[in-house]
Structures are given as C-alpha cells and as structure tokens.
C-alpha cells in the first residue's frame, strides 16, 4: 500500500490546487493526528491520505485529506503520478 503523502502547509495548498486542476478535489477527511513526521506518514488509514503537516511545540500535527468516494478508484491509481509530477514541476522552478 502507498504511504500517506505528508506535505507542509504551503506545499499542501499548492498540491491541492494542482489536484483540482487535474480533476480531484481534496477535502477534509478526519480528526487531526499527532506524532513524529514518520509516524504521521505511516499512520494506517483504509487507503492513503494527503496530510497537511503543521509543526507544534512538541512534534507535529497532521490533518488528513481525501477525495470524494466516487473519485476513489481513479485517485488511488493517479496519486503516485500526481505526486511525482507535482514535485518534478516544483524542482524545475
């Protein structure tokens, strides 16, 4: 299973816009999770989530986002590609 995609707040905002342009609308999924960045990245959901990461005084807080149920099938196939395209695009800036 693909790991959660953990992004800083600014990266998350850009990635959310990028996804919207590709036809996927990320929306709030569930309660915040906390721990180390690694713990949040490997947090077990039923399927991978995009997590907005916030630094806290001690550790991190992650806010999980997902797409609508009707988009799930195509989302799971496209998430790795979207992630790779997004980071490649940002490296070329």
N, C-alpha and C. Protein backbone atom coordinates (compact mmCIF):
# COMPACT_ATOMS: atom_id res chain seq x y z
N UNK A 1 0.84 -1.19 0.00
CA UNK A 1 0.00 0.00 0.00
C UNK A 1 0.88 1.25 0.00
N UNK A 2 0.47 2.25 -0.74
CA UNK A 2 1.19 3.51 -0.81
C UNK A 2 1.08 4.24 0.52
N UNK A 3 2.17 4.89 0.92
CA UNK A 3 2.16 5.65 2.16
C UNK A 3 1.38 6.94 1.99
N UNK A 4 1.00 7.52 3.12
CA UNK A 4 0.37 8.83 3.10
C UNK A 4 1.34 9.84 2.51
N UNK A 5 0.81 10.85 1.87
CA UNK A 5 1.62 11.93 1.33
C UNK A 5 1.58 13.07 2.33
N UNK A 6 2.70 13.35 2.97
CA UNK A 6 2.78 14.37 4.01
C UNK A 6 3.44 15.62 3.42
N UNK A 7 2.73 16.74 3.50
CA UNK A 7 3.18 18.00 2.92
C UNK A 7 3.13 19.12 3.95
N UNK A 8 4.05 20.07 3.83
CA UNK A 8 3.97 21.27 4.67
C UNK A 8 2.72 22.03 4.27
N UNK A 9 2.33 23.01 5.08
CA UNK A 9 1.12 23.77 4.77
C UNK A 9 1.19 24.44 3.41
N UNK A 10 2.31 25.05 3.08
CA UNK A 10 2.43 25.72 1.79
C UNK A 10 2.43 24.72 0.62
N UNK A 11 3.15 23.60 0.79
CA UNK A 11 3.14 22.56 -0.25
C UNK A 11 1.74 22.01 -0.42
N UNK A 12 1.05 21.81 0.70
CA UNK A 12 -0.31 21.27 0.64
C UNK A 12 -1.23 22.18 -0.17
N UNK A 13 -1.18 23.47 0.09
CA UNK A 13 -2.04 24.41 -0.64
C UNK A 13 -1.77 24.34 -2.14
N UNK A 14 -0.50 24.29 -2.53
CA UNK A 14 -0.15 24.16 -3.95
C UNK A 14 -0.61 22.82 -4.52
N UNK A 15 -0.39 21.74 -3.76
CA UNK A 15 -0.78 20.41 -4.23
C UNK A 15 -2.30 20.31 -4.37
N UNK A 16 -3.02 20.90 -3.46
CA UNK A 16 -4.49 20.88 -3.52
C UNK A 16 -4.96 21.58 -4.79
N UNK A 17 -4.36 22.70 -5.15
CA UNK A 17 -4.71 23.41 -6.38
C UNK A 17 -4.33 22.57 -7.60
N UNK A 18 -3.17 21.94 -7.54
CA UNK A 18 -2.70 21.09 -8.63
C UNK A 18 -3.68 19.94 -8.86
N UNK A 19 -4.12 19.32 -7.77
CA UNK A 19 -5.08 18.21 -7.87
C UNK A 19 -6.40 18.69 -8.46
N UNK A 20 -6.86 19.86 -8.01
CA UNK A 20 -8.12 20.42 -8.52
C UNK A 20 -8.02 20.63 -10.03
N UNK A 21 -6.88 21.11 -10.49
CA UNK A 21 -6.68 21.31 -11.93
C UNK A 21 -6.71 19.99 -12.69
N UNK A 22 -6.36 18.90 -12.02
CA UNK A 22 -6.36 17.57 -12.64
C UNK A 22 -7.68 16.84 -12.43
N UNK A 23 -8.65 17.50 -11.76
CA UNK A 23 -9.98 16.90 -11.61
C UNK A 23 -10.25 16.23 -10.28
N UNK A 24 -9.36 16.40 -9.31
CA UNK A 24 -9.54 15.80 -7.99
C UNK A 24 -9.67 16.90 -6.94
N UNK A 25 -10.71 16.81 -6.13
CA UNK A 25 -10.95 17.82 -5.11
C UNK A 25 -10.66 17.24 -3.73
N UNK A 26 -9.55 17.66 -3.13
CA UNK A 26 -9.19 17.19 -1.80
C UNK A 26 -10.06 17.90 -0.76
N UNK A 27 -10.60 17.13 0.16
CA UNK A 27 -11.40 17.72 1.23
C UNK A 27 -11.02 17.08 2.56
N UNK A 28 -11.32 17.81 3.62
CA UNK A 28 -11.01 17.35 4.98
C UNK A 28 -11.57 15.96 5.19
N UNK A 29 -10.79 15.09 5.82
CA UNK A 29 -11.21 13.70 5.99
C UNK A 29 -11.59 13.35 7.42
N UNK A 30 -10.68 13.60 8.37
CA UNK A 30 -10.94 13.15 9.74
C UNK A 30 -10.17 13.99 10.74
N UNK A 31 -10.30 13.61 11.98
CA UNK A 31 -9.61 14.31 13.07
C UNK A 31 -8.11 14.36 12.84
N UNK A 32 -7.51 15.39 13.40
CA UNK A 32 -6.06 15.56 13.32
C UNK A 32 -5.37 14.39 14.01
N UNK A 33 -4.18 14.08 13.52
CA UNK A 33 -3.34 13.07 14.16
C UNK A 33 -2.05 13.76 14.58
N UNK A 34 -1.41 13.24 15.59
CA UNK A 34 -0.18 13.87 16.05
C UNK A 34 0.90 12.82 16.26
N UNK A 35 2.14 13.29 16.30
CA UNK A 35 3.29 12.41 16.48
C UNK A 35 4.47 12.96 15.72
N UNK A 36 5.41 12.08 15.42
CA UNK A 36 6.55 12.48 14.61
C UNK A 36 6.12 12.49 13.14
N UNK A 37 6.92 13.12 12.30
CA UNK A 37 6.61 13.15 10.87
C UNK A 37 6.52 11.72 10.32
N UNK A 38 7.43 10.87 10.74
CA UNK A 38 7.44 9.47 10.29
C UNK A 38 6.18 8.73 10.74
N UNK A 39 5.76 8.93 11.97
CA UNK A 39 4.54 8.28 12.47
C UNK A 39 3.32 8.73 11.68
N UNK A 40 3.26 10.01 11.37
CA UNK A 40 2.13 10.54 10.61
C UNK A 40 2.14 9.99 9.19
N UNK A 41 3.33 9.93 8.59
CA UNK A 41 3.44 9.39 7.22
C UNK A 41 2.99 7.93 7.16
N UNK A 42 3.25 7.17 8.19
CA UNK A 42 2.91 5.75 8.19
C UNK A 42 1.62 5.44 8.94
N UNK A 43 0.87 6.45 9.36
CA UNK A 43 -0.39 6.24 10.06
C UNK A 43 -1.31 5.40 9.18
N UNK A 44 -1.94 4.41 9.76
CA UNK A 44 -2.74 3.46 8.98
C UNK A 44 -4.18 3.93 8.82
N UNK A 45 -4.53 4.28 7.60
CA UNK A 45 -5.90 4.55 7.19
C UNK A 45 -6.33 3.40 6.29
N UNK A 46 -7.58 3.40 5.88
CA UNK A 46 -8.04 2.36 4.96
C UNK A 46 -7.42 2.51 3.58
N UNK A 47 -6.98 3.72 3.25
CA UNK A 47 -6.26 3.99 1.99
C UNK A 47 -5.41 5.24 2.22
N UNK A 48 -4.41 5.49 1.41
CA UNK A 48 -3.50 6.63 1.62
C UNK A 48 -4.24 7.96 1.62
N UNK A 49 -3.77 8.87 2.45
CA UNK A 49 -4.33 10.22 2.55
C UNK A 49 -3.25 11.24 2.24
N UNK A 50 -3.67 12.45 1.87
CA UNK A 50 -2.78 13.58 1.73
C UNK A 50 -2.89 14.32 3.06
N UNK A 51 -1.75 14.54 3.71
CA UNK A 51 -1.77 15.10 5.06
C UNK A 51 -1.05 16.45 5.09
N UNK A 52 -1.79 17.45 5.57
CA UNK A 52 -1.20 18.78 5.78
C UNK A 52 -0.50 18.75 7.13
N UNK A 53 0.79 18.97 7.12
CA UNK A 53 1.62 18.86 8.32
C UNK A 53 1.85 20.23 8.95
N UNK A 54 1.63 20.30 10.24
CA UNK A 54 1.89 21.52 11.00
C UNK A 54 2.86 21.21 12.12
N UNK A 55 3.85 22.06 12.27
CA UNK A 55 4.82 21.92 13.36
C UNK A 55 4.16 22.42 14.63
N UNK A 56 4.30 21.66 15.68
CA UNK A 56 3.80 22.04 17.00
C UNK A 56 4.99 22.21 17.92
N UNK A 57 4.73 22.70 19.09
CA UNK A 57 5.81 22.90 20.06
C UNK A 57 6.57 21.61 20.30
N UNK A 58 5.83 20.53 20.45
CA UNK A 58 6.42 19.20 20.62
C UNK A 58 5.84 18.29 19.55
N UNK A 59 6.60 18.04 18.52
CA UNK A 59 6.16 17.13 17.47
C UNK A 59 5.39 17.83 16.36
N UNK A 60 4.50 17.06 15.73
CA UNK A 60 3.75 17.54 14.58
C UNK A 60 2.28 17.19 14.72
N UNK A 61 1.47 17.90 13.95
CA UNK A 61 0.05 17.62 13.83
C UNK A 61 -0.23 17.43 12.35
N UNK A 62 -0.97 16.41 12.02
CA UNK A 62 -1.32 16.16 10.63
C UNK A 62 -2.82 16.22 10.44
N UNK A 63 -3.25 16.90 9.38
CA UNK A 63 -4.67 16.99 9.05
C UNK A 63 -4.89 16.19 7.77
N UNK A 64 -5.58 15.05 7.87
CA UNK A 64 -5.78 14.18 6.71
C UNK A 64 -6.83 14.71 5.74
N UNK A 65 -6.53 14.60 4.46
CA UNK A 65 -7.45 14.97 3.39
C UNK A 65 -7.59 13.79 2.43
N UNK A 66 -8.72 13.73 1.76
CA UNK A 66 -9.01 12.66 0.82
C UNK A 66 -9.90 13.23 -0.28
N UNK A 67 -10.24 12.41 -1.25
CA UNK A 67 -11.16 12.82 -2.32
C UNK A 67 -12.52 12.17 -2.07
N UNK A 68 -13.51 12.62 -2.82
CA UNK A 68 -14.87 12.08 -2.70
C UNK A 68 -14.86 10.58 -3.01
N UNK A 69 -15.82 9.89 -2.43
CA UNK A 69 -15.93 8.44 -2.61
C UNK A 69 -15.99 8.05 -4.10
N UNK A 70 -16.72 8.83 -4.90
CA UNK A 70 -16.87 8.48 -6.31
C UNK A 70 -15.56 8.64 -7.10
N UNK A 71 -14.57 9.33 -6.53
CA UNK A 71 -13.28 9.52 -7.21
C UNK A 71 -12.22 8.52 -6.73
N UNK A 72 -12.54 7.73 -5.72
CA UNK A 72 -11.54 6.88 -5.07
C UNK A 72 -10.81 5.95 -6.02
N UNK A 73 -11.53 5.29 -6.89
CA UNK A 73 -10.89 4.30 -7.76
C UNK A 73 -9.82 4.94 -8.65
N UNK A 74 -10.14 6.04 -9.29
CA UNK A 74 -9.15 6.68 -10.15
C UNK A 74 -8.07 7.40 -9.32
N UNK A 75 -8.44 7.92 -8.14
CA UNK A 75 -7.50 8.62 -7.26
C UNK A 75 -6.35 7.71 -6.85
N UNK A 76 -6.65 6.50 -6.44
CA UNK A 76 -5.60 5.59 -5.99
C UNK A 76 -4.60 5.28 -7.10
N UNK A 77 -5.07 5.23 -8.33
CA UNK A 77 -4.18 5.00 -9.45
C UNK A 77 -3.38 6.24 -9.84
N UNK A 78 -3.96 7.41 -9.65
CA UNK A 78 -3.31 8.65 -10.06
C UNK A 78 -2.45 9.28 -8.99
N UNK A 79 -2.67 8.99 -7.71
CA UNK A 79 -1.94 9.65 -6.64
C UNK A 79 -0.42 9.58 -6.81
N UNK A 80 0.17 8.41 -7.05
CA UNK A 80 1.63 8.38 -7.24
C UNK A 80 2.09 9.26 -8.41
N UNK A 81 1.34 9.24 -9.51
CA UNK A 81 1.70 10.05 -10.67
C UNK A 81 1.57 11.54 -10.36
N UNK A 82 0.48 11.94 -9.71
CA UNK A 82 0.29 13.34 -9.33
C UNK A 82 1.40 13.82 -8.41
N UNK A 83 1.74 12.98 -7.45
CA UNK A 83 2.81 13.31 -6.50
C UNK A 83 4.12 13.55 -7.25
N UNK A 84 4.48 12.61 -8.14
CA UNK A 84 5.73 12.72 -8.89
C UNK A 84 5.74 13.95 -9.80
N UNK A 85 4.64 14.19 -10.52
CA UNK A 85 4.55 15.36 -11.40
C UNK A 85 4.66 16.65 -10.60
N UNK A 86 3.98 16.71 -9.47
CA UNK A 86 3.99 17.91 -8.64
C UNK A 86 5.39 18.25 -8.16
N UNK A 87 6.09 17.26 -7.63
CA UNK A 87 7.43 17.52 -7.12
C UNK A 87 8.43 17.80 -8.24
N UNK A 88 8.27 17.15 -9.38
CA UNK A 88 9.13 17.41 -10.52
C UNK A 88 8.91 18.84 -11.02
N UNK A 89 7.67 19.27 -11.09
CA UNK A 89 7.32 20.63 -11.53
C UNK A 89 7.94 21.65 -10.57
N UNK A 90 7.88 21.39 -9.29
CA UNK A 90 8.41 22.33 -8.29
C UNK A 90 9.94 22.35 -8.28
N UNK A 91 10.59 21.27 -8.66
CA UNK A 91 12.05 21.24 -8.73
C UNK A 91 12.56 22.10 -9.89
N UNK A 92 11.75 22.21 -10.93
CA UNK A 92 12.15 22.96 -12.13
C UNK A 92 11.94 24.46 -11.99
N UNK A 93 11.49 24.91 -10.86
CA UNK A 93 11.26 26.36 -10.66
C UNK A 93 12.55 27.07 -10.40
